[in-house]
C-alpha atoms as a PDB file:
ATOM      1  CA  MET A   1      62.157 145.324 -53.064  1.00  0.00           C
ATOM      2  CA  ALA A   2      62.688 146.238 -56.734  1.00  0.00           C
ATOM      3  CA  ALA A   3      62.999 149.893 -55.706  1.00  0.00           C
ATOM      4  CA  MET A   4      66.222 149.019 -53.871  1.00  0.00           C
ATOM      5  CA  ASP A   5      67.753 147.276 -56.875  1.00  0.00           C
ATOM      6  CA  ALA A   6      67.489 150.081 -59.425  1.00  0.00           C
ATOM      7  CA  VAL A   7      66.373 153.641 -59.566  1.00  0.00           C
ATOM      8  CA  ALA A   8      63.999 154.235 -62.490  1.00  0.00           C
ATOM      9  CA  GLU A   9      63.093 157.531 -64.054  1.00  0.00           C
ATOM     10  CA  PRO A  10      59.912 158.898 -62.557  1.00  0.00           C
ATOM     11  CA  THR A  11      56.812 158.662 -64.709  1.00  0.00           C
ATOM     12  CA  ALA A  12      55.170 161.931 -65.676  1.00  0.00           C
ATOM     13  CA  LEU A  13      51.795 161.946 -63.920  1.00  0.00           C
ATOM     14  CA  ASP A  14      48.952 164.371 -64.684  1.00  0.00           C
ATOM     15  CA  ASP A  15      45.995 165.226 -62.509  1.00  0.00           C
ATOM     16  CA  ILE A  16      43.878 162.345 -63.831  1.00  0.00           C
ATOM     17  CA  ASP A  17      46.679 159.854 -63.064  1.00  0.00           C
ATOM     18  CA  ARG A  18      46.989 161.253 -59.526  1.00  0.00           C
ATOM     19  CA  ARG A  19      43.220 161.006 -58.952  1.00  0.00           C
ATOM     20  CA  ILE A  20      43.185 157.397 -60.238  1.00  0.00           C
ATOM     21  CA  ILE A  21      46.092 156.536 -57.927  1.00  0.00           C
ATOM     22  CA  SER A  22      44.294 158.204 -54.998  1.00  0.00           C
ATOM     23  CA  GLU A  23      41.096 156.284 -55.631  1.00  0.00           C
ATOM     24  CA  LEU A  24      42.878 152.945 -55.932  1.00  0.00           C
ATOM     25  CA  THR A  25      44.952 153.688 -52.842  1.00  0.00           C
ATOM     26  CA  ASN A  26      41.782 154.241 -50.870  1.00  0.00           C
ATOM     27  CA  ASP A  27      40.089 151.127 -52.296  1.00  0.00           C
ATOM     28  CA  GLY A  28      42.201 148.704 -54.302  1.00  0.00           C
ATOM     29  CA  ARG A  29      39.109 146.535 -54.987  1.00  0.00           C
ATOM     30  CA  MET A  30      37.417 149.352 -56.869  1.00  0.00           C
ATOM     31  CA  SER A  31      36.376 148.294 -60.371  1.00  0.00           C
ATOM     32  CA  VAL A  32      37.534 150.154 -63.457  1.00  0.00           C
ATOM     33  CA  THR A  33      33.962 151.400 -63.912  1.00  0.00           C
ATOM     34  CA  GLN A  34      33.926 152.787 -60.364  1.00  0.00           C
ATOM     35  CA  VAL A  35      37.305 154.460 -60.894  1.00  0.00           C
ATOM     36  CA  ALA A  36      36.034 156.036 -64.098  1.00  0.00           C
ATOM     37  CA  GLU A  37      32.915 157.348 -62.330  1.00  0.00           C
ATOM     38  CA  LYS A  38      34.936 158.821 -59.419  1.00  0.00           C
ATOM     39  CA  VAL A  39      37.490 160.445 -61.717  1.00  0.00           C
ATOM     40  CA  HIS A  40      34.862 161.550 -64.298  1.00  0.00           C
ATOM     41  CA  ILE A  41      36.363 159.824 -67.333  1.00  0.00           C
ATOM     42  CA  SER A  42      35.140 157.040 -69.576  1.00  0.00           C
ATOM     43  CA  ARG A  43      35.586 153.403 -68.563  1.00  0.00           C
ATOM     44  CA  ALA A  44      37.830 152.817 -71.598  1.00  0.00           C
ATOM     45  CA  HIS A  45      39.997 155.829 -70.653  1.00  0.00           C
ATOM     46  CA  ALA A  46      40.262 154.593 -67.048  1.00  0.00           C
ATOM     47  CA  TYR A  47      41.169 151.092 -68.255  1.00  0.00           C
ATOM     48  CA  THR A  48      43.905 152.499 -70.506  1.00  0.00           C
ATOM     49  CA  ARG A  49      45.266 154.756 -67.800  1.00  0.00           C
ATOM     50  CA  ILE A  50      45.334 151.983 -65.174  1.00  0.00           C
ATOM     51  CA  GLY A  51      47.046 149.674 -67.666  1.00  0.00           C
ATOM     52  CA  ARG A  52      49.689 152.318 -68.430  1.00  0.00           C
ATOM     53  CA  LEU A  53      50.279 153.077 -64.729  1.00  0.00           C
ATOM     54  CA  THR A  54      50.654 149.357 -64.060  1.00  0.00           C
ATOM     55  CA  GLY A  55      52.890 148.769 -67.094  1.00  0.00           C
ATOM     56  CA  GLU A  56      55.163 151.650 -66.147  1.00  0.00           C
ATOM     57  CA  GLY A  57      55.461 150.348 -62.570  1.00  0.00           C
ATOM     58  CA  VAL A  58      53.660 153.234 -60.906  1.00  0.00           C
ATOM     59  CA  LEU A  59      50.979 150.841 -59.654  1.00  0.00           C
ATOM     60  CA  THR A  60      52.939 147.837 -58.478  1.00  0.00           C
ATOM     61  CA  LYS A  61      50.338 145.587 -56.887  1.00  0.00           C
ATOM     62  CA  PHE A  62      46.841 145.514 -55.502  1.00  0.00           C
ATOM     63  CA  THR A  63      46.697 144.185 -52.001  1.00  0.00           C
ATOM     64  CA  ALA A  64      44.595 144.041 -48.847  1.00  0.00           C
ATOM     65  CA  LEU A  65      45.559 145.924 -45.721  1.00  0.00           C
ATOM     66  CA  VAL A  66      45.289 143.717 -42.650  1.00  0.00           C
ATOM     67  CA  ASP A  67      44.523 144.913 -39.144  1.00  0.00           C
ATOM     68  CA  PRO A  68      47.424 143.313 -37.255  1.00  0.00           C
ATOM     69  CA  ILE A  69      45.569 143.138 -33.932  1.00  0.00           C
ATOM     70  CA  LYS A  70      42.565 141.416 -35.461  1.00  0.00           C
ATOM     71  CA  ALA A  71      44.926 139.055 -37.281  1.00  0.00           C
ATOM     72  CA  GLY A  72      46.454 138.003 -33.940  1.00  0.00           C
ATOM     73  CA  LEU A  73      49.661 140.086 -34.266  1.00  0.00           C
ATOM     74  CA  LYS A  74      49.402 141.954 -31.000  1.00  0.00           C
ATOM     75  CA  SER A  75      52.995 143.126 -30.743  1.00  0.00           C
ATOM     76  CA  SER A  76      54.717 145.376 -33.303  1.00  0.00           C
ATOM     77  CA  ALA A  77      57.991 147.209 -33.382  1.00  0.00           C
ATOM     78  CA  TYR A  78      60.302 149.101 -35.644  1.00  0.00           C
ATOM     79  CA  VAL A  79      63.717 147.502 -35.418  1.00  0.00           C
ATOM     80  CA  THR A  80      66.796 149.295 -36.667  1.00  0.00           C
ATOM     81  CA  LEU A  81      69.881 147.420 -37.775  1.00  0.00           C
ATOM     82  CA  LYS A  82      73.469 148.450 -38.202  1.00  0.00           C
ATOM     83  CA  VAL A  83      74.966 146.061 -40.716  1.00  0.00           C
ATOM     84  CA  SER A  84      78.265 145.303 -42.399  1.00  0.00           C
ATOM     85  CA  GLN A  85      78.028 147.099 -45.707  1.00  0.00           C
ATOM     86  CA  HIS A  86      79.364 144.200 -47.785  1.00  0.00           C
ATOM     87  CA  SER A  87      76.603 141.871 -46.464  1.00  0.00           C
ATOM     88  CA  TRP A  88      73.525 143.907 -47.418  1.00  0.00           C
ATOM     89  CA  ARG A  89      72.321 141.835 -50.380  1.00  0.00           C
ATOM     90  CA  GLU A  90      72.560 138.497 -48.579  1.00  0.00           C
ATOM     91  CA  LEU A  91      71.026 140.004 -45.458  1.00  0.00           C
ATOM     92  CA  ARG A  92      68.126 141.423 -47.414  1.00  0.00           C
ATOM     93  CA  GLU A  93      67.175 137.967 -48.685  1.00  0.00           C
ATOM     94  CA  GLN A  94      67.421 136.475 -45.185  1.00  0.00           C
ATOM     95  CA  LEU A  95      65.204 139.272 -43.811  1.00  0.00           C
ATOM     96  CA  ARG A  96      62.636 138.711 -46.549  1.00  0.00           C
ATOM     97  CA  ALA A  97      62.378 135.053 -45.446  1.00  0.00           C
ATOM     98  CA  ILE A  98      61.285 135.975 -41.898  1.00  0.00           C
ATOM     99  CA  PRO A  99      57.446 135.972 -41.835  1.00  0.00           C
ATOM    100  CA  GLU A 100      57.321 138.472 -38.982  1.00  0.00           C
ATOM    101  CA  VAL A 101      59.245 141.086 -40.973  1.00  0.00           C
ATOM    102  CA  HIS A 102      56.576 143.099 -42.785  1.00  0.00           C
ATOM    103  CA  HIS A 103      58.681 145.901 -44.252  1.00  0.00           C
ATOM    104  CA  ILE A 104      62.360 146.462 -44.976  1.00  0.00           C
ATOM    105  CA  ALA A 105      63.870 149.881 -45.691  1.00  0.00           C
ATOM    106  CA  LEU A 106      67.533 150.643 -46.451  1.00  0.00           C
ATOM    107  CA  VAL A 107      68.213 154.057 -44.954  1.00  0.00           C
ATOM    108  CA  GLY A 108      70.969 156.541 -44.319  1.00  0.00           C
ATOM    109  CA  GLY A 109      71.797 157.845 -40.879  1.00  0.00           C
ATOM    110  CA  ASP A 110      72.786 156.269 -37.568  1.00  0.00           C
ATOM    111  CA  PHE A 111      71.630 152.858 -38.746  1.00  0.00           C
ATOM    112  CA  ASP A 112      71.389 151.097 -42.100  1.00  0.00           C
ATOM    113  CA  VAL A 113      68.033 149.233 -42.094  1.00  0.00           C
ATOM    114  CA  ILE A 114      64.616 149.783 -40.561  1.00  0.00           C
ATOM    115  CA  LEU A 115      62.261 146.822 -40.210  1.00  0.00           C
ATOM    116  CA  LEU A 116      58.626 146.659 -39.295  1.00  0.00           C
ATOM    117  CA  VAL A 117      58.249 143.491 -37.251  1.00  0.00           C
ATOM    118  CA  ARG A 118      54.853 142.134 -36.186  1.00  0.00           C
ATOM    119  CA  ALA A 119      54.506 139.222 -33.783  1.00  0.00           C
ATOM    120  CA  ILE A 120      51.786 137.420 -31.845  1.00  0.00           C
ATOM    121  CA  ASP A 121      53.058 138.808 -28.511  1.00  0.00           C
ATOM    122  CA  ASN A 122      56.170 140.237 -26.830  1.00  0.00           C
ATOM    123  CA  VAL A 123      57.631 136.784 -26.228  1.00  0.00           C
ATOM    124  CA  ASP A 124      57.419 136.075 -29.959  1.00  0.00           C
ATOM    125  CA  LEU A 125      58.811 139.516 -30.777  1.00  0.00           C
ATOM    126  CA  ARG A 126      61.730 138.842 -28.429  1.00  0.00           C
ATOM    127  CA  ARG A 127      62.348 135.524 -30.200  1.00  0.00           C
ATOM    128  CA  VAL A 128      62.476 137.214 -33.624  1.00  0.00           C
ATOM    129  CA  ILE A 129      64.829 139.946 -32.455  1.00  0.00           C
ATOM    130  CA  PHE A 130      67.201 137.901 -30.286  1.00  0.00           C
ATOM    131  CA  ASP A 131      67.162 134.513 -32.011  1.00  0.00           C
ATOM    132  CA  GLN A 132      66.823 135.597 -35.639  1.00  0.00           C
ATOM    133  CA  LEU A 133      67.875 139.175 -36.244  1.00  0.00           C
ATOM    134  CA  GLN A 134      70.711 139.521 -33.794  1.00  0.00           C
ATOM    135  CA  SER A 135      72.172 136.171 -34.767  1.00  0.00           C
ATOM    136  CA  MET A 136      72.403 136.966 -38.495  1.00  0.00           C
ATOM    137  CA  PRO A 137      75.912 137.305 -39.863  1.00  0.00           C
ATOM    138  CA  GLY A 138      76.443 140.929 -40.832  1.00  0.00           C
ATOM    139  CA  VAL A 139      74.118 142.398 -38.187  1.00  0.00           C
ATOM    140  CA  LEU A 140      76.286 144.513 -35.900  1.00  0.00           C
ATOM    141  CA  ASP A 141      73.649 146.136 -33.698  1.00  0.00           C
ATOM    142  CA  THR A 142      69.863 146.414 -33.275  1.00  0.00           C
ATOM    143  CA  GLN A 143      67.549 148.867 -31.614  1.00  0.00           C
ATOM    144  CA  THR A 144      63.878 148.212 -30.982  1.00  0.00           C
ATOM    145  CA  PHE A 145      61.054 150.755 -30.874  1.00  0.00           C
ATOM    146  CA  LEU A 146      57.749 149.250 -29.682  1.00  0.00           C
ATOM    147  CA  ILE A 147      54.633 150.456 -31.487  1.00  0.00           C
ATOM    148  CA  PHE A 148      51.853 151.304 -29.040  1.00  0.00           C
ATOM    149  CA  GLU A 149      49.327 152.274 -31.680  1.00  0.00           C
ATOM    150  CA  ASP A 150      49.173 152.282 -35.489  1.00  0.00           C
ATOM    151  CA  VAL A 151      47.466 155.310 -36.981  1.00  0.00           C
ATOM    152  CA  ASP A 152      46.238 154.995 -40.551  1.00  0.00           C
ATOM    153  CA  THR A 153      46.810 158.221 -42.458  1.00  0.00           C
ATOM    154  CA  ARG A 154      44.794 157.303 -45.531  1.00  0.00           C
END
């Protein structure tokens, strides 16, 4: 969520930085030695580069991607919200507290916020949308787009 709080100057990235980022995006568990081998640089150089990219906020965290179906989250939807503009900051914190909300994006257009919501089934999804999202002060309208299939592009 830090990206929504302040806009930082972009970091100048060269080809080696982009290759390191690509390798770590494909496998965040890759060791520094493995990154160095894939990118064809020394381990020390890879270590320094990864440290710089992390320190400058280009690499923000290393995490595992979870298959939602295998994790028991069989129902997913993008939910758009129209919100009162003065309530965005409070609303953002309330949305972050809902475990079923997996991603929050502030956008421009016909609505103000897009959420990725994952739930155990449609009954649970309905509960999140009706009982939690639509009842929040500042939420003026919602629209739900069910996800039939997630396609990984990486």
